[in-house]
Structure formats: C-alpha cells, structure tokens
C-alpha cells in the first residue's frame, strides 16, 4: 500500500491540506540532457523514465491525487524513426516493469490521446494497464501518449456532431461542461497546476482546453534531473498564488 504522506521538509512551506487536485507535467529536456553528456538521445529518454518513477512516488508521498504527464505528442511522429521506436520501447518497459507495483499501490492508469497509428502491442499494453487498474482509486496517473490538445478537441467535436445527428444530444444542450465530458479527461478535474521542465515557456499543445485556469510553473531543470524537490517547489509556488478565475483579488472592492 501507499505510505503516509511525507511531512514537508523545512523551508518547503507546503500546506498538505491545500494541495492542487490535479498536477500536469510537460516532461521536457531528455534529449538536451543526453547531448550535454555526449550520450545518445535514447539514453536521455531512459533516464526520463527513471525521473517519472521518482515523480510518481513523490506525488504519492506528498498526498496528491491526480498526476498527468506528457509522454509522446502527435507531433513527435516527426522525429527520427529510431527515436520514435525508442519512445515506444520505453512505454513497453515502464508498463511491464511497473504495472504490478502500481496495481498493488492502488494507482489507476489512464492513457490520453488517439489510439490511431499505434503499434498493436502498444495498444494491448495500454488496454491491459487501464483494465487492470480500473478499480483503483488511491492515486490517478494519466499518461498523455500520442496526444495533442487540438486533435483531442477535434475528436470531441466530431463525437458531439455524431451524437447530435443521431438524436442522442440536443445541439442547444452543448455547454462548456457538456463539451468537457467528451474530452479524454472527461471525468477528471481540470489541472490546477501545470509544470514544464527544461526552461521552455510554452504549452506545446498540452491540455489546452483543460489548462485554461491552471497555474503555470516553468522550471529550469531538464526532465531526467527532476525529482521530489522540484515537485515540492512547484506546489509551494502554486500555494503562494492567489487564484481569481477572472474575478477580483480578495478584499478588492
């Protein structure tokens, strides 16, 4: 079972009773990490998987309930075939090595994104991970794989159009809340905190509907070096911000 949340280290200033409900991370910098060390990009991705393991554990220890990570985008198909195959291989390795442990720890796995174009064995692994963890509710891990925010919105719109045409949905009933249910994250809370590593300052087509009011934290650390310390720093930043959702600051008339 999952261990009790780790108390905040001195100086963290984290209120464990007021955590973000959903943290999303753009895991960026694997290639640059490898290049800086004169290593193949594939080695950077391997180290990135280790960083993911550390981060999932840190999120569980901190008491978070939802974590979504950006693993492979629909745009990543433009990369060299060797690198794309390496990324597929790492997903295979992660699921095969970690699935049993994640099941025992009450982790539910969801894979966001389109399944079109994925290898047959990857599809089988994705289905296995989702089915075997479907009853878990201690911690939610979403992996955005073959995912693009615009592509997700288009798929949702196509499904809505089909439901309207079939008489399953009235056009006048389409609202923001209704539309959200057609997204890959339909039954999940929107991310409160979105972290991007490597110093880049953009969303890169990640959760662009869901992150409308997320607090953005950009950290100048390459993903393979990311760990509990950086997650806690991001959460501390989140807790030090005033979230107004378009309203006025507290106490402003």
Protein backbone atom coordinates (compact mmCIF):
# COMPACT_ATOMS: atom_id res chain seq x y z
CA UNK A 1 0.00 0.00 0.00
CA UNK A 2 0.99 3.66 -0.37
CA UNK A 3 2.93 5.06 2.55
CA UNK A 4 1.64 8.04 4.51
CA UNK A 5 2.35 11.48 3.01
CA UNK A 6 5.85 12.72 3.77
CA UNK A 7 5.87 15.78 6.05
CA UNK A 8 7.14 18.92 4.32
CA UNK A 9 10.87 19.45 4.65
CA UNK A 10 11.97 22.60 6.44
CA UNK A 11 11.67 25.55 4.07
CA UNK A 12 9.18 23.86 1.74
CA UNK A 13 6.27 25.80 3.26
CA UNK A 14 3.75 23.37 1.78
CA UNK A 15 0.27 23.13 3.24
CA UNK A 16 -0.62 19.47 2.78
CA UNK A 17 -4.30 20.30 3.49
CA UNK A 18 -4.47 22.60 0.46
CA UNK A 19 -2.86 20.68 -2.38
CA UNK A 20 -3.72 21.04 -6.07
CA UNK A 21 -6.30 18.44 -7.05
CA UNK A 22 -4.56 17.75 -10.35
CA UNK A 23 -0.95 18.37 -11.38
CA UNK A 24 0.12 18.11 -15.02
CA UNK A 25 3.73 17.97 -16.20
CA UNK A 26 5.34 18.51 -19.58
CA UNK A 27 8.40 16.28 -19.23
CA UNK A 28 10.90 18.17 -21.39
CA UNK A 29 14.66 18.03 -21.80
CA UNK A 30 15.62 14.38 -22.22
CA UNK A 31 17.48 14.99 -25.48
CA UNK A 32 19.35 18.04 -24.19
CA UNK A 33 20.30 16.16 -21.02
CA UNK A 34 21.85 13.40 -23.13
CA UNK A 35 23.56 15.80 -25.54
CA UNK A 36 25.19 17.69 -22.67
CA UNK A 37 26.78 14.41 -21.59
CA UNK A 38 27.76 13.21 -25.05
CA UNK A 39 25.19 10.41 -24.92
CA UNK A 40 22.58 9.22 -27.46
CA UNK A 41 19.14 10.83 -27.13
CA UNK A 42 17.71 7.40 -26.31
CA UNK A 43 19.72 7.36 -23.08
CA UNK A 44 18.11 10.65 -22.11
CA UNK A 45 14.68 9.10 -22.59
CA UNK A 46 15.70 6.11 -20.45
CA UNK A 47 16.75 8.46 -17.66
CA UNK A 48 13.47 10.27 -18.18
CA UNK A 49 11.59 7.09 -17.28
CA UNK A 50 13.54 6.92 -14.03
CA UNK A 51 12.56 10.53 -13.34
CA UNK A 52 8.93 9.60 -13.97
CA UNK A 53 9.16 6.81 -11.40
CA UNK A 54 10.63 9.22 -8.84
CA UNK A 55 7.99 11.82 -9.59
CA UNK A 56 5.06 9.42 -9.29
CA UNK A 57 6.41 8.29 -5.91
CA UNK A 58 6.95 11.90 -4.81
CA UNK A 59 3.40 12.83 -5.84
CA UNK A 60 2.02 9.89 -3.86
CA UNK A 61 4.13 10.75 -0.82
CA UNK A 62 3.01 14.37 -0.95
CA UNK A 63 -0.63 13.31 -0.97
CA UNK A 64 -1.58 14.38 -4.50
CA UNK A 65 -4.48 12.53 -6.11
CA UNK A 66 -4.13 13.21 -9.86
CA UNK A 67 -0.98 13.43 -11.98
CA UNK A 68 -0.90 13.73 -15.77
CA UNK A 69 2.37 13.56 -17.70
CA UNK A 70 3.04 14.39 -21.35
CA UNK A 71 4.96 11.43 -22.75
CA UNK A 72 4.53 11.43 -26.55
CA UNK A 73 2.77 14.04 -28.66
CA UNK A 74 1.08 13.68 -32.02
CA UNK A 75 3.85 15.97 -33.32
CA UNK A 76 6.59 13.60 -32.09
CA UNK A 77 5.97 11.38 -35.13
CA UNK A 78 8.14 13.91 -37.00
CA UNK A 79 11.20 12.75 -35.07
CA UNK A 80 13.62 10.14 -36.48
CA UNK A 81 12.14 6.63 -36.63
CA UNK A 82 14.84 5.33 -34.30
CA UNK A 83 13.85 7.81 -31.59
CA UNK A 84 10.11 7.17 -32.03
CA UNK A 85 10.72 3.43 -31.68
CA UNK A 86 12.81 4.08 -28.58
CA UNK A 87 9.94 6.04 -27.01
CA UNK A 88 7.55 3.18 -27.77
CA UNK A 89 10.05 0.80 -26.21
CA UNK A 90 10.18 2.84 -23.02
CA UNK A 91 6.40 2.76 -22.66
CA UNK A 92 6.53 -1.00 -23.09
CA UNK A 93 9.26 -1.23 -20.46
CA UNK A 94 7.50 1.05 -17.98
CA UNK A 95 4.20 -0.81 -18.15
CA UNK A 96 5.82 -4.25 -17.98
CA UNK A 97 8.13 -3.38 -15.09
CA UNK A 98 5.85 -1.13 -13.03
CA UNK A 99 2.29 -2.30 -13.65
CA UNK A 100 2.25 -4.92 -10.89
CA UNK A 101 3.57 -2.43 -8.33
CA UNK A 102 1.16 0.31 -9.43
CA UNK A 103 -1.77 -2.10 -9.13
CA UNK A 104 -0.72 -3.05 -5.59
CA UNK A 105 -0.43 0.63 -4.62
CA UNK A 106 -3.96 1.47 -5.75
CA UNK A 107 -2.89 3.52 -8.77
CA UNK A 108 -5.35 3.91 -11.61
CA UNK A 109 -3.76 4.37 -15.05
CA UNK A 110 -5.41 6.19 -17.93
CA UNK A 111 -3.78 6.83 -21.29
CA UNK A 112 -4.89 10.01 -23.04
CA UNK A 113 -4.66 10.58 -26.76
CA UNK A 114 -5.64 8.93 -30.01
CA UNK A 115 -5.01 5.23 -30.46
CA UNK A 116 -4.80 5.62 -34.25
CA UNK A 117 -1.41 4.62 -35.64
CA UNK A 118 -0.07 2.95 -32.52
CA UNK A 119 1.54 -0.50 -32.84
CA UNK A 120 -0.70 -3.44 -31.96
CA UNK A 121 1.36 -4.48 -28.94
CA UNK A 122 1.30 -0.92 -27.56
CA UNK A 123 -2.48 -0.87 -27.87
CA UNK A 124 -2.64 -4.18 -25.99
CA UNK A 125 -0.41 -2.82 -23.20
CA UNK A 126 -2.48 0.34 -22.89
CA UNK A 127 -5.69 -1.69 -22.61
CA UNK A 128 -4.10 -4.05 -20.10
CA UNK A 129 -2.92 -1.19 -17.90
CA UNK A 130 -6.28 0.56 -17.98
CA UNK A 131 -8.36 -2.58 -17.39
CA UNK A 132 -6.21 -3.98 -14.57
CA UNK A 133 -6.18 -0.67 -12.68
CA UNK A 134 -9.76 0.43 -13.40
CA UNK A 135 -10.96 -0.30 -9.86
CA UNK A 136 -8.10 1.55 -8.16
CA UNK A 137 -8.86 4.91 -6.55
CA UNK A 138 -5.91 5.82 -4.32
CA UNK A 139 -3.95 7.72 -6.96
CA UNK A 140 -4.67 8.62 -10.59
CA UNK A 141 -1.85 8.56 -13.14
CA UNK A 142 -2.67 9.75 -16.65
CA UNK A 143 -0.14 9.30 -19.42
CA UNK A 144 -0.65 11.50 -22.47
CA UNK A 145 0.71 9.30 -25.25
CA UNK A 146 0.12 10.05 -28.93
CA UNK A 147 -1.68 13.09 -27.59
CA UNK A 148 -2.31 16.57 -28.96
CA UNK A 149 -4.66 19.12 -27.42
CA UNK A 150 -6.09 20.34 -30.71
CA UNK A 151 -6.53 16.79 -32.01
CA UNK A 152 -8.37 15.91 -28.79
CA UNK A 153 -10.74 18.86 -29.21
CA UNK A 154 -11.43 17.92 -32.84
CA UNK A 155 -12.20 14.31 -31.85
CA UNK A 156 -14.56 15.56 -29.15
CA UNK A 157 -16.33 17.87 -31.63
CA UNK A 158 -16.70 15.02 -34.13
CA UNK A 159 -18.26 12.77 -31.49
CA UNK A 160 -20.63 15.52 -30.38
CA UNK A 161 -21.66 16.14 -34.00
CA UNK A 162 -22.32 12.43 -34.46
CA UNK A 163 -24.41 12.31 -31.26
CA UNK A 164 -26.45 15.32 -32.38
CA UNK A 165 -27.01 13.76 -35.80
CA UNK A 166 -28.11 10.51 -34.16
CA UNK A 167 -30.53 12.32 -31.86
CA UNK A 168 -28.59 11.40 -28.74
CA UNK A 169 -27.82 15.03 -27.89
CA UNK A 170 -29.66 18.31 -28.44
CA UNK A 171 -27.48 20.99 -30.02
CA UNK A 172 -28.82 23.51 -27.51
CA UNK A 173 -27.59 21.32 -24.65
CA UNK A 174 -23.94 21.72 -25.66
CA UNK A 175 -22.21 23.77 -22.98
CA UNK A 176 -18.64 24.02 -21.68
CA UNK A 177 -19.42 21.36 -19.07
CA UNK A 178 -21.01 19.13 -21.70
CA UNK A 179 -18.08 19.57 -24.09
CA UNK A 180 -15.62 18.71 -21.32
CA UNK A 181 -17.22 15.30 -20.84
CA UNK A 182 -16.29 14.39 -24.43
CA UNK A 183 -12.59 15.05 -23.85
CA UNK A 184 -10.11 12.32 -22.89
CA UNK A 185 -10.14 13.78 -19.36
CA UNK A 186 -13.93 13.82 -19.22
CA UNK A 187 -14.34 12.52 -15.68
CA UNK A 188 -11.21 14.14 -14.22
CA UNK A 189 -10.74 17.51 -12.52
CA UNK A 190 -9.01 20.14 -14.63
CA UNK A 191 -5.34 20.63 -13.73
CA UNK A 192 -4.76 23.30 -11.08
CA UNK A 193 -1.00 23.30 -11.64
CA UNK A 194 0.90 22.73 -14.87
CA UNK A 195 4.68 22.31 -14.70
CA UNK A 196 7.09 22.41 -17.62
CA UNK A 197 10.72 21.47 -17.24
CA UNK A 198 13.81 22.49 -19.27
CA UNK A 199 13.17 26.23 -19.17
CA UNK A 200 10.88 26.33 -22.22
CA UNK A 201 7.93 28.71 -21.83
CA UNK A 202 5.04 27.24 -23.81
CA UNK A 203 2.25 24.65 -23.52
CA UNK A 204 3.13 22.76 -26.72
CA UNK A 205 -0.47 21.72 -27.40
CA UNK A 206 -0.87 20.04 -24.00
CA UNK A 207 -4.27 20.09 -22.24
CA UNK A 208 -5.07 23.42 -23.90
CA UNK A 209 -8.77 23.24 -23.00
CA UNK A 210 -8.30 21.83 -19.51
CA UNK A 211 -5.46 24.18 -18.52
CA UNK A 212 -7.48 27.36 -19.09
CA UNK A 213 -7.09 28.37 -15.44
CA UNK A 214 -4.11 26.25 -14.40
CA UNK A 215 -1.24 27.94 -12.61
CA UNK A 216 1.84 27.62 -14.83
CA UNK A 217 5.27 26.90 -13.35
CA UNK A 218 8.30 26.77 -15.64
CA UNK A 219 11.41 25.22 -14.11
CA UNK A 220 14.94 25.44 -15.47
CA UNK A 221 15.73 21.78 -14.89
CA UNK A 222 15.99 19.07 -17.52
CA UNK A 223 13.48 16.27 -17.00
CA UNK A 224 15.98 13.47 -16.15
CA UNK A 225 17.14 15.61 -13.18
CA UNK A 226 13.59 16.30 -11.95
CA UNK A 227 12.60 14.84 -8.61
CA UNK A 228 10.71 15.34 -5.35
CA UNK A 229 12.47 18.63 -4.61
CA UNK A 230 11.30 20.22 -7.85
CA UNK A 231 7.74 18.94 -7.45
CA UNK A 232 7.56 20.39 -3.95
CA UNK A 233 8.96 23.71 -5.16
CA UNK A 234 6.26 23.89 -7.85
CA UNK A 235 3.50 23.08 -5.36
CA UNK A 236 4.87 25.74 -2.99
CA UNK A 237 4.70 28.29 -5.82
CA UNK A 238 1.13 27.23 -6.54
CA UNK A 239 0.12 27.74 -2.93
CA UNK A 240 1.65 31.21 -2.86
CA UNK A 241 -0.52 32.44 -5.74
CA UNK A 242 -3.98 33.94 -5.49
CA UNK A 243 -6.37 32.24 -7.89
CA UNK A 244 -9.15 34.57 -9.05
CA UNK A 245 -10.66 32.75 -12.08
CA UNK A 246 -11.44 36.09 -13.73
CA UNK A 247 -12.73 37.74 -10.55
CA UNK A 248 -11.15 40.34 -8.30
CA UNK A 249 -8.45 39.76 -5.74
CA UNK A 250 -9.60 39.09 -2.19
CA UNK A 251 -10.50 42.33 -0.44
CA UNK A 252 -10.73 44.40 -3.64
CA UNK A 253 -13.99 46.32 -3.90
